[in-house]
Protein backbone atom coordinates (compact mmCIF):
# COMPACT_ATOMS: atom_id res chain seq x y z
CA UNK A 1 -27.78 41.26 11.11
CA UNK A 2 -26.79 38.95 14.17
CA UNK A 3 -29.46 40.25 16.62
CA UNK A 4 -32.51 39.83 14.19
CA UNK A 5 -31.16 36.31 13.25
CA UNK A 6 -30.91 35.54 17.11
CA UNK A 7 -34.57 37.16 17.49
CA UNK A 8 -36.19 35.13 15.18
CA UNK A 9 -34.60 31.96 16.22
CA UNK A 10 -35.85 32.82 19.91
CA UNK A 11 -39.47 33.89 18.30
CA UNK A 12 -39.62 30.13 16.74
CA UNK A 13 -38.36 28.57 20.31
CA UNK A 14 -41.41 30.36 21.82
CA UNK A 15 -44.21 29.47 19.25
CA UNK A 16 -43.01 25.46 19.24
CA UNK A 17 -43.30 25.96 23.12
CA UNK A 18 -46.62 27.12 22.79
CA UNK A 19 -47.53 24.08 21.00
CA UNK A 20 -46.10 21.96 22.99
CA UNK A 21 -47.57 23.12 26.05
CA UNK A 22 -50.94 22.72 24.33
CA UNK A 23 -50.05 19.08 23.06
CA UNK A 24 -49.36 18.64 26.91
CA UNK A 25 -52.70 19.72 28.04
CA UNK A 26 -54.55 18.63 25.47
CA UNK A 27 -53.25 14.92 25.43
CA UNK A 28 -52.73 14.67 29.15
CA UNK A 29 -49.19 13.85 29.12
CA UNK A 30 -46.43 15.57 31.11
CA UNK A 31 -43.26 14.86 28.95
CA UNK A 32 -44.28 17.55 26.45
CA UNK A 33 -44.36 19.95 29.00
CA UNK A 34 -41.10 19.17 30.03
CA UNK A 35 -39.52 19.60 26.95
CA UNK A 36 -41.21 22.60 26.23
CA UNK A 37 -39.89 24.06 29.39
CA UNK A 38 -36.39 23.08 28.41
CA UNK A 39 -37.12 24.65 25.02
CA UNK A 40 -38.39 28.22 26.49
CA UNK A 41 -34.82 27.94 28.47
CA UNK A 42 -33.20 27.76 24.92
CA UNK A 43 -35.12 30.45 23.42
CA UNK A 44 -34.70 32.75 26.26
CA UNK A 45 -30.80 31.92 25.93
CA UNK A 46 -30.89 33.34 22.41
CA UNK A 47 -33.21 36.05 23.07
CA UNK A 48 -30.71 37.24 25.57
CA UNK A 49 -27.46 36.74 23.06
CA UNK A 50 -30.19 38.89 20.61
CA UNK A 51 -30.36 41.75 23.37
CA UNK A 52 -26.54 41.74 24.09
CA UNK A 53 -25.65 41.94 20.53
CA UNK A 54 -28.20 45.02 19.89
CA UNK A 55 -27.36 46.62 22.51
CA UNK A 56 -23.53 46.31 21.88
CA UNK A 57 -23.51 47.72 18.51
CA UNK A 58 -25.71 50.57 19.41
CA UNK A 59 -24.39 51.36 22.81
CA UNK A 60 -27.53 51.81 24.37
CA UNK A 61 -30.56 49.95 26.33
CA UNK A 62 -34.42 48.95 25.81
CA UNK A 63 -35.18 52.78 25.98
CA UNK A 64 -36.72 53.24 22.69
CA UNK A 65 -39.00 52.03 20.00
CA UNK A 66 -41.65 49.08 19.69
CA UNK A 67 -39.11 46.15 19.29
CA UNK A 68 -37.05 47.06 22.48
CA UNK A 69 -39.82 47.59 24.82
CA UNK A 70 -42.24 44.53 23.60
CA UNK A 71 -38.99 42.01 23.17
CA UNK A 72 -37.98 42.95 26.79
CA UNK A 73 -41.24 42.33 28.12
CA UNK A 74 -41.32 38.92 26.28
CA UNK A 75 -37.79 38.35 27.83
CA UNK A 76 -39.21 39.50 31.33
CA UNK A 77 -42.33 37.09 31.01
CA UNK A 78 -40.18 33.77 30.35
CA UNK A 79 -37.63 34.65 32.55
CA UNK A 80 -40.07 35.14 35.62
CA UNK A 81 -41.65 31.99 34.44
CA UNK A 82 -39.14 29.66 33.93
CA UNK A 83 -37.79 30.92 38.11
CA UNK A 84 -41.26 30.49 39.28
CA UNK A 85 -41.47 27.03 37.23
CA UNK A 86 -38.09 25.67 38.92
CA UNK A 87 -39.79 26.85 42.53
CA UNK A 88 -43.42 25.59 42.01
CA UNK A 89 -42.91 22.91 39.66
CA UNK A 90 -45.79 24.41 37.79
CA UNK A 91 -45.26 23.58 34.04
CA UNK A 92 -48.37 23.72 32.56
CA UNK A 93 -48.95 27.23 33.63
CA UNK A 94 -46.98 27.52 30.41
CA UNK A 95 -50.35 26.84 28.14
CA UNK A 96 -51.01 30.57 29.32
CA UNK A 97 -47.55 32.16 29.55
CA UNK A 98 -46.03 30.95 26.18
CA UNK A 99 -49.00 32.58 23.65
CA UNK A 100 -48.68 35.39 25.50
CA UNK A 101 -45.06 35.80 24.87
CA UNK A 102 -45.31 34.47 21.39
CA UNK A 103 -48.17 36.77 20.59
CA UNK A 104 -45.77 39.83 21.85
CA UNK A 105 -43.08 39.06 20.17
CA UNK A 106 -44.68 39.06 17.25
CA UNK A 107 -45.93 42.44 17.45
CA UNK A 108 -42.32 43.02 18.20
CA UNK A 109 -41.21 41.97 15.30
CA UNK A 110 -43.25 44.70 13.22
CA UNK A 111 -40.02 46.76 14.79
CA UNK A 112 -37.57 44.45 13.71
CA UNK A 113 -34.51 46.11 12.14
CA UNK A 114 -35.97 49.28 12.25
CA UNK A 115 -33.99 52.38 13.58
CA UNK A 116 -32.53 52.30 17.64
CA UNK A 117 -30.62 55.63 17.55
CA UNK A 118 -32.13 57.30 20.92
CA UNK A 119 -32.85 61.00 20.66
CA UNK A 120 -30.13 62.92 22.79
CA UNK A 121 -33.05 63.56 25.62
CA UNK A 122 -33.55 59.61 25.81
CA UNK A 123 -29.98 58.70 26.61
CA UNK A 124 -28.73 58.54 30.20
CA UNK A 125 -29.08 55.96 32.90
CA UNK A 126 -32.29 57.35 34.28
CA UNK A 127 -34.58 56.26 31.03
CA UNK A 128 -32.51 52.91 31.12
CA UNK A 129 -34.09 52.21 34.87
CA UNK A 130 -37.19 53.78 33.77
CA UNK A 131 -37.98 51.36 30.90
CA UNK A 132 -36.24 48.02 32.65
CA UNK A 133 -38.02 48.35 36.09
CA UNK A 134 -41.61 49.41 34.30
CA UNK A 135 -41.65 46.70 31.89
CA UNK A 136 -40.28 43.94 34.15
CA UNK A 137 -43.03 44.80 36.59
CA UNK A 138 -45.78 44.68 33.82
CA UNK A 139 -44.18 41.35 33.00
CA UNK A 140 -44.93 40.27 36.49
CA UNK A 141 -48.46 41.41 36.08
CA UNK A 142 -49.09 39.69 33.10
CA UNK A 143 -47.51 36.56 34.57
CA UNK A 144 -49.98 37.02 37.88
CA UNK A 145 -53.08 37.26 35.29
CA UNK A 146 -52.25 34.03 33.76
CA UNK A 147 -52.03 32.40 37.13
CA UNK A 148 -55.28 33.82 38.12
CA UNK A 149 -56.83 32.55 34.89
CA UNK A 150 -55.52 29.37 35.56
CA UNK A 151 -56.61 29.46 38.75
CA UNK A 152 -60.27 30.27 38.24
CA UNK A 153 -60.05 27.41 35.31
CA UNK A 154 -59.09 24.90 38.05
CA UNK A 155 -61.34 25.83 40.76
CA UNK A 156 -64.21 25.73 38.46
CA UNK A 157 -63.05 22.27 37.04
CA UNK A 158 -62.97 21.12 40.69
CA UNK A 159 -65.90 22.62 41.85
CA UNK A 160 -67.70 20.70 38.96
CA UNK A 161 -65.76 17.31 39.68
CA UNK A 162 -63.96 17.46 35.94
CA UNK A 163 -60.44 17.71 37.21
CA UNK A 164 -59.60 13.75 37.81
CA UNK A 165 -57.93 13.47 34.57
CA UNK A 166 -56.04 16.58 34.42
CA UNK A 167 -55.22 16.62 38.29
CA UNK A 168 -51.25 15.33 38.15
CA UNK A 169 -50.90 17.97 35.17
CA UNK A 170 -52.51 21.03 36.53
CA UNK A 171 -50.87 22.98 39.46
CA UNK A 172 -52.17 22.88 42.98
CA UNK A 173 -54.70 25.57 43.51
CA UNK A 174 -51.87 26.73 46.49
CA UNK A 175 -48.97 26.99 44.23
CA UNK A 176 -51.32 29.24 41.66
CA UNK A 177 -52.47 31.52 44.22
CA UNK A 178 -48.79 32.02 45.72
CA UNK A 179 -47.56 32.71 41.82
CA UNK A 180 -49.70 35.52 41.74
CA UNK A 181 -49.05 37.02 45.29
CA UNK A 182 -45.19 36.94 44.39
CA UNK A 183 -45.79 38.48 40.74
CA UNK A 184 -47.95 41.04 42.60
CA UNK A 185 -45.51 42.02 45.74
CA UNK A 186 -42.75 41.70 43.16
CA UNK A 187 -44.15 43.56 40.16
CA UNK A 188 -45.71 46.54 42.27
CA UNK A 189 -42.37 48.20 43.75
CA UNK A 190 -40.68 47.75 40.35
CA UNK A 191 -43.31 49.66 38.48
CA UNK A 192 -43.22 52.26 41.33
CA UNK A 193 -39.44 52.61 41.09
CA UNK A 194 -39.85 52.55 37.22
CA UNK A 195 -42.50 55.33 37.63
CA UNK A 196 -40.34 57.65 39.97
CA UNK A 197 -37.44 56.89 37.69
CA UNK A 198 -39.00 58.59 34.91
CA UNK A 199 -40.35 61.17 36.79
CA UNK A 200 -36.95 62.25 37.67
CA UNK A 201 -36.24 61.70 34.36
CA UNK A 202 -38.78 63.99 32.96
CA UNK A 203 -38.31 66.66 35.36
CA UNK A 204 -34.90 67.09 33.95
CA UNK A 205 -35.82 66.83 30.19
CA UNK A 206 -39.09 69.00 30.46
CA UNK A 207 -38.78 71.04 33.68
CA UNK A 208 -41.76 69.05 35.40
CA UNK A 209 -42.24 65.71 36.94
CA UNK A 210 -46.10 65.73 35.61
CA UNK A 211 -46.91 66.71 32.03
CA UNK A 212 -50.26 65.18 32.20
CA UNK A 213 -49.40 62.95 29.07
CA UNK A 214 -52.29 60.23 28.38
CA UNK A 215 -49.66 57.56 29.33
CA UNK A 216 -48.62 59.04 32.56
CA UNK A 217 -52.15 59.45 33.85
CA UNK A 218 -53.16 55.70 32.83
CA UNK A 219 -50.15 54.29 34.30
CA UNK A 220 -50.89 56.21 37.35
CA UNK A 221 -54.50 54.62 37.22
CA UNK A 222 -53.09 51.23 36.61
CA UNK A 223 -50.58 51.85 39.57
CA UNK A 224 -53.03 52.47 41.69
CA UNK A 225 -55.40 49.47 41.03
CA UNK A 226 -52.62 47.29 41.50
CA UNK A 227 -51.49 49.05 44.50
CA UNK A 228 -55.17 48.67 46.10
CA UNK A 229 -55.02 45.12 44.95
CA UNK A 230 -51.82 44.58 47.03
CA UNK A 231 -53.14 46.17 49.88
CA UNK A 232 -56.13 44.15 49.82
CA UNK A 233 -53.96 40.93 49.83
CA UNK A 234 -51.59 42.05 52.53
CA UNK A 235 -53.91 43.86 54.84
CA UNK A 236 -57.29 42.29 53.99
CA UNK A 237 -55.82 38.72 53.50
CA UNK A 238 -57.75 38.71 50.08
CA UNK A 239 -56.58 34.85 48.40
CA UNK A 240 -57.69 32.32 45.99
CA UNK A 241 -60.69 32.98 43.85
CA UNK A 242 -61.17 36.87 44.64
CA UNK A 243 -57.21 37.71 44.55
CA UNK A 244 -57.20 35.74 41.02
CA UNK A 245 -60.40 37.77 39.71
CA UNK A 246 -58.81 40.99 40.59
CA UNK A 247 -55.54 40.04 39.08
CA UNK A 248 -56.83 39.13 36.07
CA UNK A 249 -59.14 42.34 35.71
CA UNK A 250 -56.25 44.43 36.83
CA UNK A 251 -54.03 43.20 33.97
CA UNK A 252 -57.11 43.71 31.25
CA UNK A 253 -57.44 46.98 32.30
CA UNK A 254 -53.85 47.86 31.92
CA UNK A 255 -54.10 46.03 28.45
CA UNK A 256 -57.18 48.11 27.65
CA UNK A 257 -55.59 51.36 28.28
CA UNK A 258 -52.35 50.74 26.28
CA UNK A 259 -54.05 49.78 23.51
CA UNK A 260 -56.72 51.89 23.42
CA UNK A 261 -55.14 55.20 24.59
CA UNK A 262 -52.05 54.79 22.76
CA UNK A 263 -53.45 55.49 19.08
CA UNK A 264 -56.33 57.64 20.20
CA UNK A 265 -54.70 60.45 22.42
CA UNK A 266 -51.31 62.42 21.69
CA UNK A 267 -48.81 61.25 23.92
CA UNK A 268 -45.15 62.52 24.56
CA UNK A 269 -44.08 58.54 25.18
CA UNK A 270 -44.23 57.73 21.37
CA UNK A 271 -40.67 56.30 21.67
CA UNK A 272 -42.05 53.40 23.43
């Protein structure tokens, strides 16, 4: 029960953060955004403690279940955003990040308190590595998409000369592009390592690295899409508006594949 109370406290903290970030942007004030950042740090602390109590009680990790996978995704998003905020001072980006974290936490709460015992085939370090690396990579992609969306909005305002009143609040286009680049550069290798860990685990459990499972297929498609985008940034020099558009499109594709594919196609990945 302790982990549930801590999770609910973290959820409440993220929700209040969302409100404070909205007030900051709507009222064109920096103070609510500063308060929201500190509150998100507090919520992240409670969230971390909820994992510690839960995994201590079960003796496992974030390997199975809707609650564990989505809750860890939200945790990773919050941790990445706060780390980036320290480096870039992009407080108002939380206006886009906090609602996503809150929404994911709300969906995760559907599985709150449910059974967490993993089947025998899902126990082991490879499973934990697979989930941790893959979900962290996807969380980085989510933050990149938020930075991309804010870049497009701010760029549009600047072109229309309507950003004067928001100029001291909105992150610079350079900072947003740097965040986009950092998240793509970090998320892609993490997802790659996560896929490789899952492939090794599949070989051990099912006797084959590749099962033509729908989730494997759409993960490979998303991996290829992000690989293409990262190549274009590094080799071709994509920056700014084009990179922002493609990172947003890539995450929307990943999201659609997960939302549409999971209920429509039978998959052996029902545990996540």
